[in-house]
Amino acid sequence: MKVRPRDFIYTKDDLFFATTSYHHPPNRILSFLRYIPDEKGLRFKNGRRYSKVDSEQAYIFLKENYPYYLYDCDNTKVQMMGVPFNKVQNILRPNERLRSILNQNINRKNSEDTLIEKVIKIAKTFHEKTNISYNSMGISGSILPGLYDPKNSDIDFVVYGLLNHRRAMDLFSRIKDNPKNSSFKSIGDNYWKKVYDKRIKDSILSFEEFCWYEKRKNNRGMFEGVLFDILGTREWDEIHGSWGDTSYEPMGQITVECKVTNAIASFDNPAVYEVENVKIINGPEVNINEIASFTHTYSGQAIEDEEIVAQGKLEKVIGEQETHRVVVGTTRESLNEFIKLKYIPSL
């Protein structure tokens, strides 16, 4: 089955999963449980109630009710979630959902649903000001399966293609907080404080540092009072390789200093930074050419030609050639794991 990150999988057990990988094992789709049937749930679809679950709730729910969605992955040596092919009811694709929204509202001056109206405005802005094709855009998150709250849900806007994604963020950086166009705005510190308290569970980043990094990324903002994310996913012709081509072997903790040579995939899943001039600060002397992050906190943390310090798990990468990478975000809390600039400007 042809799927990629930001797609949703609706299963025969009435569960909604979000796809997490470009490559999948032979009999299942790697994905993460997002919505479950719940008589007390606040989300509605086809007369039924659903609830959104976090990672801890998702694992507990599946272990107790549907253990066959849990998968001991040979490639990563950890337990993951994955929808078996025989449990797939439907694949929900962000680009198809956006196309449907645009087609349904093309002759309307105003949508009855203000959240959907904002989705249309964002799509039109990106298309008109960057020339990104509507076919290279989509809408994910709760809007994709139709489980959103029109008054409280965020907008997870998808841009396909690594360069397209960077162009969309560059546009947002130019037009946000512009007095002549008040629709796009930066996020206030009150919101960042909530995110900081949720993500940072040690003293790796101060709140001031965290805000400095997040504000310069330009992948998240406000549109007419609604929070929106600019999410990146590869176009089909940017996806290479297949499941099993590469495996990973954990080798303990490591700290390195290095220079970023390519950050075009730094908002991908996982975020990837190609690096050179690697200096091992703590750990075995091995060849490292990549830093990967599985946590949003360290996506887009650095750009080309910046010098960084990274601390995380060392992995041996076994493929056509054997090399190594540093992985950040191997646990939910990412304790003692980080990507930071070696020299950060004064705050």
Protein backbone atom coordinates (compact mmCIF):
# COMPACT_ATOMS: atom_id res chain seq x y z
CA MET A 1 0.00 0.00 0.00
CA LYS A 2 1.31 3.42 -0.96
CA VAL A 3 1.26 5.73 2.06
CA ARG A 4 3.45 8.46 3.57
CA PRO A 5 3.56 10.62 6.71
CA ARG A 6 0.53 12.88 7.33
CA ASP A 7 -1.82 10.26 5.79
CA PHE A 8 -4.40 8.76 8.16
CA ILE A 9 -5.50 5.14 8.26
CA TYR A 10 -9.08 4.30 9.20
CA THR A 11 -9.31 0.69 10.37
CA LYS A 12 -11.99 -1.96 10.44
CA ASP A 13 -11.95 -1.60 14.25
CA ASP A 14 -13.15 2.02 13.95
CA LEU A 15 -9.74 3.46 14.89
CA PHE A 16 -7.87 6.35 13.28
CA PHE A 17 -4.07 6.11 12.95
CA ALA A 18 -1.61 8.71 11.62
CA THR A 19 1.09 7.31 9.34
CA THR A 20 4.63 7.83 10.69
CA SER A 21 6.99 6.52 8.02
CA TYR A 22 7.76 6.50 4.29
CA HIS A 23 8.71 2.81 4.36
CA HIS A 24 6.73 -0.03 5.88
CA PRO A 25 7.21 -3.73 6.58
CA PRO A 26 5.60 -6.24 4.20
CA ASN A 27 2.34 -6.73 6.09
CA ARG A 28 1.53 -3.50 7.93
CA ILE A 29 1.62 0.32 7.85
CA LEU A 30 3.71 1.97 10.55
CA SER A 31 1.45 4.53 12.19
CA PHE A 32 0.36 5.96 15.52
CA LEU A 33 -3.09 5.76 17.10
CA ARG A 34 -4.80 9.15 17.23
CA TYR A 35 -8.58 8.73 17.70
CA ILE A 36 -10.63 5.99 19.36
CA PRO A 37 -14.39 5.40 19.79
CA ASP A 38 -15.54 6.82 23.13
CA GLU A 39 -19.10 7.32 24.36
CA LYS A 40 -17.88 10.36 26.33
CA GLY A 41 -15.73 11.71 23.51
CA LEU A 42 -15.99 15.29 22.30
CA ARG A 43 -15.37 14.55 18.59
CA PHE A 44 -18.26 13.51 16.35
CA LYS A 45 -18.42 11.64 13.05
CA ASN A 46 -21.38 9.84 11.46
CA GLY A 47 -23.32 9.94 14.71
CA ARG A 48 -20.50 8.44 16.78
CA ARG A 49 -18.26 9.96 19.45
CA TYR A 50 -14.46 9.76 19.47
CA SER A 51 -11.60 10.92 21.69
CA LYS A 52 -8.04 11.89 20.84
CA VAL A 53 -5.36 9.93 22.72
CA ASP A 54 -1.79 10.81 23.60
CA SER A 55 1.10 8.36 23.23
CA GLU A 56 0.75 6.83 26.68
CA GLN A 57 -3.01 6.40 26.34
CA ALA A 58 -2.57 4.94 22.86
CA TYR A 59 -0.22 2.17 23.99
CA ILE A 60 -2.38 1.30 26.99
CA PHE A 61 -5.55 1.21 24.85
CA LEU A 62 -4.00 -1.06 22.22
CA LYS A 63 -2.40 -3.42 24.74
CA GLU A 64 -5.74 -3.85 26.49
CA ASN A 65 -7.99 -4.02 23.42
CA TYR A 66 -6.15 -4.55 20.13
CA PRO A 67 -2.64 -5.90 20.77
CA TYR A 68 -2.22 -6.93 17.11
CA TYR A 69 -1.61 -3.26 16.25
CA LEU A 70 1.64 -3.39 18.27
CA TYR A 71 4.74 -4.46 16.42
CA ASP A 72 8.26 -5.44 17.54
CA CYS A 73 10.31 -3.76 14.84
CA ASP A 74 13.44 -5.61 13.70
CA ASN A 75 14.91 -2.50 12.07
CA THR A 76 14.75 -0.24 15.12
CA LYS A 77 14.71 -2.86 17.91
CA VAL A 78 11.75 -1.18 19.64
CA GLN A 79 8.01 -1.82 19.88
CA MET A 80 6.02 0.32 17.45
CA MET A 81 2.44 0.68 16.28
CA GLY A 82 1.35 -0.49 12.87
CA VAL A 83 -1.92 -1.24 11.10
CA PRO A 84 -1.96 -4.74 9.55
CA PHE A 85 -3.00 -4.64 5.90
CA ASN A 86 -6.06 -6.78 6.62
CA LYS A 87 -7.30 -4.17 9.11
CA VAL A 88 -7.16 -1.20 6.72
CA GLN A 89 -10.61 0.14 5.88
CA ASN A 90 -9.55 3.35 4.15
CA ILE A 91 -6.49 5.55 3.58
CA LEU A 92 -7.17 9.26 4.10
CA ARG A 93 -4.81 11.55 2.19
CA PRO A 94 -4.25 15.25 3.02
CA ASN A 95 -4.02 16.40 -0.63
CA GLU A 96 -7.31 14.67 -1.48
CA ARG A 97 -8.99 16.21 1.57
CA LEU A 98 -7.86 19.72 0.60
CA ARG A 99 -8.95 19.17 -3.00
CA SER A 100 -12.38 18.15 -1.74
CA ILE A 101 -12.59 21.24 0.47
CA LEU A 102 -11.61 23.53 -2.39
CA ASN A 103 -14.02 21.89 -4.84
CA GLN A 104 -16.93 22.05 -2.41
CA ASN A 105 -16.36 25.72 -1.66
CA ILE A 106 -15.17 27.03 -5.03
CA ASN A 107 -18.43 28.83 -5.80
CA ARG A 108 -19.13 30.05 -2.29
CA LYS A 109 -18.16 33.52 -1.15
CA ASN A 110 -18.01 32.34 2.46
CA SER A 111 -18.01 28.88 3.97
CA GLU A 112 -20.48 28.14 6.74
CA ASP A 113 -17.58 26.55 8.61
CA THR A 114 -15.15 29.31 9.62
CA LEU A 115 -12.29 26.86 10.24
CA ILE A 116 -12.63 25.43 6.74
CA GLU A 117 -12.83 28.97 5.40
CA LYS A 118 -9.45 29.69 7.00
CA VAL A 119 -7.97 26.53 5.42
CA ILE A 120 -9.06 27.80 2.00
CA LYS A 121 -7.53 31.25 2.62
CA ILE A 122 -4.18 29.76 3.70
CA ALA A 123 -4.09 27.50 0.63
CA LYS A 124 -4.85 30.41 -1.69
CA THR A 125 -2.18 32.58 -0.06
CA PHE A 126 0.53 29.93 -0.45
CA HIS A 127 -0.52 29.21 -4.02
CA GLU A 128 -0.72 32.83 -5.16
CA LYS A 129 2.43 34.10 -3.41
CA THR A 130 4.76 31.10 -3.91
CA ASN A 131 3.21 29.41 -6.98
CA ILE A 132 3.10 26.12 -5.09
CA SER A 133 0.53 23.92 -6.82
CA TYR A 134 -2.66 23.05 -5.00
CA ASN A 135 -1.74 19.43 -5.77
CA SER A 136 1.31 19.90 -3.54
CA MET A 137 -0.74 21.00 -0.53
CA GLY A 138 -2.99 19.18 1.90
CA ILE A 139 -4.72 19.28 5.26
CA SER A 140 -4.00 16.75 8.02
CA GLY A 141 -4.71 16.58 11.75
CA SER A 142 -8.29 16.40 12.97
CA ILE A 143 -9.65 18.02 9.80
CA LEU A 144 -8.44 15.12 7.65
CA PRO A 145 -10.79 12.49 9.15
CA GLY A 146 -13.50 15.08 9.88
CA LEU A 147 -13.05 14.92 13.67
CA TYR A 148 -12.33 18.59 14.24
CA ASP A 149 -13.98 21.15 16.48
CA PRO A 150 -14.87 24.18 14.29
CA LYS A 151 -14.27 26.54 17.21
CA ASN A 152 -11.21 25.03 18.89
CA SER A 153 -9.20 22.85 16.48
CA ASP A 154 -5.86 23.85 14.99
CA ILE A 155 -4.95 23.72 11.30
CA ASP A 156 -2.31 21.16 10.28
CA PHE A 157 -1.46 22.40 6.80
CA VAL A 158 0.69 20.07 4.69
CA VAL A 159 3.10 21.13 1.95
CA TYR A 160 4.51 18.34 -0.24
CA GLY A 161 8.11 18.59 -1.40
CA LEU A 162 11.10 19.60 0.70
CA LEU A 163 11.79 22.77 -1.30
CA ASN A 164 8.11 23.70 -1.40
CA HIS A 165 7.95 23.39 2.37
CA ARG A 166 10.89 25.73 2.79
CA ARG A 167 9.31 28.22 0.37
CA ALA A 168 6.08 28.19 2.40
CA MET A 169 7.97 28.88 5.64
CA ASP A 170 9.98 31.64 3.96
CA LEU A 171 6.72 33.26 2.86
CA PHE A 172 5.31 33.12 6.38
CA SER A 173 8.50 34.71 7.74
CA ARG A 174 8.02 37.64 5.33
CA ILE A 175 4.32 38.30 5.80
CA LYS A 176 3.73 37.56 9.50
CA ASP A 177 2.96 40.56 11.71
CA ASN A 178 2.74 42.81 8.66
CA PRO A 179 0.40 45.75 9.46
CA LYS A 180 -0.84 45.63 5.85
CA ASN A 181 -1.85 41.97 6.21
CA SER A 182 -2.97 41.27 9.74
CA SER A 183 -4.17 37.69 9.07
CA PHE A 184 -0.79 35.98 9.67
CA LYS A 185 0.81 36.54 13.07
CA SER A 186 3.54 35.18 15.31
CA ILE A 187 2.65 33.10 18.35
CA GLY A 188 2.73 34.83 21.73
CA ASP A 189 4.96 33.84 24.63
CA ASN A 190 2.00 32.57 26.68
CA TYR A 191 1.46 29.79 24.16
CA TRP A 192 5.18 28.99 23.95
CA LYS A 193 5.26 28.68 27.75
CA LYS A 194 2.61 25.94 27.59
CA VAL A 195 4.57 24.13 24.88
CA TYR A 196 7.82 24.53 26.83
CA ASP A 197 6.30 23.07 30.01
CA LYS A 198 4.94 20.15 28.02
CA ARG A 199 8.10 19.31 26.09
CA ILE A 200 11.09 20.25 28.24
CA LYS A 201 11.42 18.06 31.32
CA ASP A 202 15.01 18.96 32.24
CA SER A 203 17.19 22.09 32.10
CA ILE A 204 18.66 21.44 28.63
CA LEU A 205 16.94 24.54 27.21
CA SER A 206 15.88 27.59 29.18
CA PHE A 207 12.51 29.09 28.29
CA GLU A 208 14.29 32.03 26.62
CA GLU A 209 16.41 29.67 24.51
CA PHE A 210 13.39 27.57 23.58
CA CYS A 211 11.45 30.65 22.40
CA TRP A 212 14.42 31.93 20.39
CA TYR A 213 14.67 28.68 18.45
CA GLU A 214 10.92 28.26 17.93
CA LYS A 215 10.28 31.82 16.76
CA ARG A 216 12.93 31.69 14.06
CA LYS A 217 11.69 28.39 12.59
CA ASN A 218 8.61 29.95 10.95
CA ASN A 219 6.79 26.62 10.73
CA ARG A 220 4.04 27.58 13.15
CA GLY A 221 1.92 30.68 13.58
CA MET A 222 -1.54 32.17 13.90
CA PHE A 223 -4.02 32.81 11.10
CA GLU A 224 -7.04 34.92 11.97
CA GLY A 225 -6.74 33.79 15.58
CA VAL A 226 -6.28 30.06 14.82
CA LEU A 227 -3.03 28.18 15.42
CA PHE A 228 -1.62 26.57 12.28
CA ASP A 229 1.39 24.41 11.43
CA ILE A 230 3.19 24.22 8.09
CA LEU A 231 4.00 20.50 7.92
CA GLY A 232 6.38 19.04 5.37
CA THR A 233 6.09 15.71 3.57
CA ARG A 234 8.11 14.43 0.64
CA GLU A 235 6.70 14.25 -2.87
CA TRP A 236 6.51 10.68 -4.16
CA ASP A 237 9.61 11.15 -6.35
CA GLU A 238 11.59 12.29 -3.28
CA ILE A 239 11.01 8.99 -1.48
CA HIS A 240 13.81 6.50 -2.11
CA GLY A 241 14.64 3.02 -0.91
CA SER A 242 12.36 0.45 0.65
CA TRP A 243 11.70 -1.31 3.94
CA GLY A 244 14.64 -3.39 5.10
CA ASP A 245 17.25 -1.56 3.03
CA THR A 246 18.64 -0.04 6.21
CA SER A 247 18.76 -1.26 9.79
CA TYR A 248 19.94 0.47 12.94
CA GLU A 249 21.97 -0.84 15.86
CA PRO A 250 22.07 1.15 19.15
CA MET A 251 25.57 1.90 20.48
CA GLY A 252 25.00 4.02 23.59
CA GLN A 253 25.16 7.74 24.31
CA ILE A 254 27.27 10.29 22.41
CA THR A 255 27.94 14.04 22.29
CA VAL A 256 29.34 15.73 19.17
CA GLU A 257 30.13 19.12 17.72
CA CYS A 258 29.72 19.55 13.96
CA LYS A 259 28.75 21.81 11.06
CA VAL A 260 25.40 21.48 9.29
CA THR A 261 25.83 21.11 5.52
CA ASN A 262 22.23 20.35 4.54
CA ALA A 263 19.06 21.01 6.56
CA ILE A 264 16.47 20.74 3.80
CA ALA A 265 14.95 17.71 5.56
CA SER A 266 15.11 19.22 9.05
CA PHE A 267 11.28 19.32 9.28
CA ASP A 268 10.81 15.83 7.86
CA ASN A 269 9.94 12.72 9.87
CA PRO A 270 12.50 12.14 11.21
CA ALA A 271 14.19 15.52 10.95
CA VAL A 272 17.57 15.04 9.31
CA TYR A 273 20.69 17.20 9.34
CA GLU A 274 23.63 16.26 7.13
CA VAL A 275 26.84 17.25 8.92
CA GLU A 276 30.61 17.46 8.51
CA ASN A 277 33.68 18.33 10.61
CA VAL A 278 32.36 16.11 13.39
CA LYS A 279 34.24 16.30 16.67
CA ILE A 280 33.46 13.61 19.24
CA ILE A 281 33.10 15.22 22.68
CA ASN A 282 31.96 12.12 24.52
CA GLY A 283 31.64 8.67 23.00
CA PRO A 284 33.41 6.27 20.66
CA GLU A 285 35.43 7.55 17.70
CA VAL A 286 33.25 6.64 14.74
CA ASN A 287 32.30 8.18 11.40
CA ILE A 288 29.13 10.30 11.72
CA ASN A 289 27.47 12.12 8.82
CA GLU A 290 23.92 12.63 10.08
CA ILE A 291 21.94 13.91 13.06
CA ALA A 292 18.32 12.71 13.20
CA SER A 293 15.55 13.94 15.48
CA PHE A 294 12.28 12.21 16.33
CA THR A 295 10.97 15.08 18.45
CA HIS A 296 9.35 18.33 17.26
CA THR A 297 11.51 20.31 19.67
CA TYR A 298 14.63 19.75 17.58
CA SER A 299 13.08 19.86 14.11
CA GLY A 300 14.34 22.89 12.20
CA GLN A 301 16.71 23.66 15.05
CA ALA A 302 19.61 24.64 12.76
CA ILE A 303 20.21 25.71 9.17
CA GLU A 304 23.02 25.27 6.68
CA ASP A 305 26.52 26.39 7.75
CA GLU A 306 25.62 26.67 11.43
CA GLU A 307 27.77 24.89 14.00
CA ILE A 308 25.86 22.74 16.45
CA VAL A 309 26.29 20.55 19.51
CA ALA A 310 24.19 17.38 19.52
CA GLN A 311 23.72 14.82 22.26
CA GLY A 312 21.70 11.65 21.92
CA LYS A 313 21.90 7.98 21.11
CA LEU A 314 24.60 6.73 18.75
CA GLU A 315 23.32 4.30 16.11
CA LYS A 316 25.18 2.18 13.61
CA VAL A 317 23.48 2.57 10.24
CA ILE A 318 23.69 -0.68 8.27
CA GLY A 319 22.86 -0.36 4.58
CA GLU A 320 24.81 -0.20 1.32
CA GLN A 321 27.57 1.41 3.37
CA GLU A 322 28.04 1.22 7.11
CA THR A 323 28.09 4.56 8.93
CA HIS A 324 26.72 6.10 12.12
CA ARG A 325 24.23 8.76 13.16
CA VAL A 326 23.22 10.59 16.31
CA VAL A 327 19.54 10.22 17.21
CA VAL A 328 17.76 12.80 19.36
CA GLY A 329 14.30 12.16 20.77
CA THR A 330 14.54 8.45 21.47
CA THR A 331 12.15 8.81 24.41
CA ARG A 332 9.04 10.92 24.93
CA GLU A 333 10.83 13.30 27.30
CA SER A 334 14.16 13.37 25.37
CA LEU A 335 16.04 13.67 28.66
CA ASN A 336 19.73 14.52 28.16
CA GLU A 337 19.21 14.66 24.39
CA PHE A 338 19.39 17.87 22.39
CA ILE A 339 20.48 19.83 19.32
CA LYS A 340 21.75 23.34 20.04
CA LEU A 341 23.81 25.97 18.25
CA LYS A 342 27.39 26.02 19.41
CA TYR A 343 27.28 29.81 19.55
CA ILE A 344 23.82 31.23 20.16
CA PRO A 345 23.30 34.99 19.76
CA SER A 346 22.70 36.87 22.99
CA LEU A 347 19.05 36.65 24.03
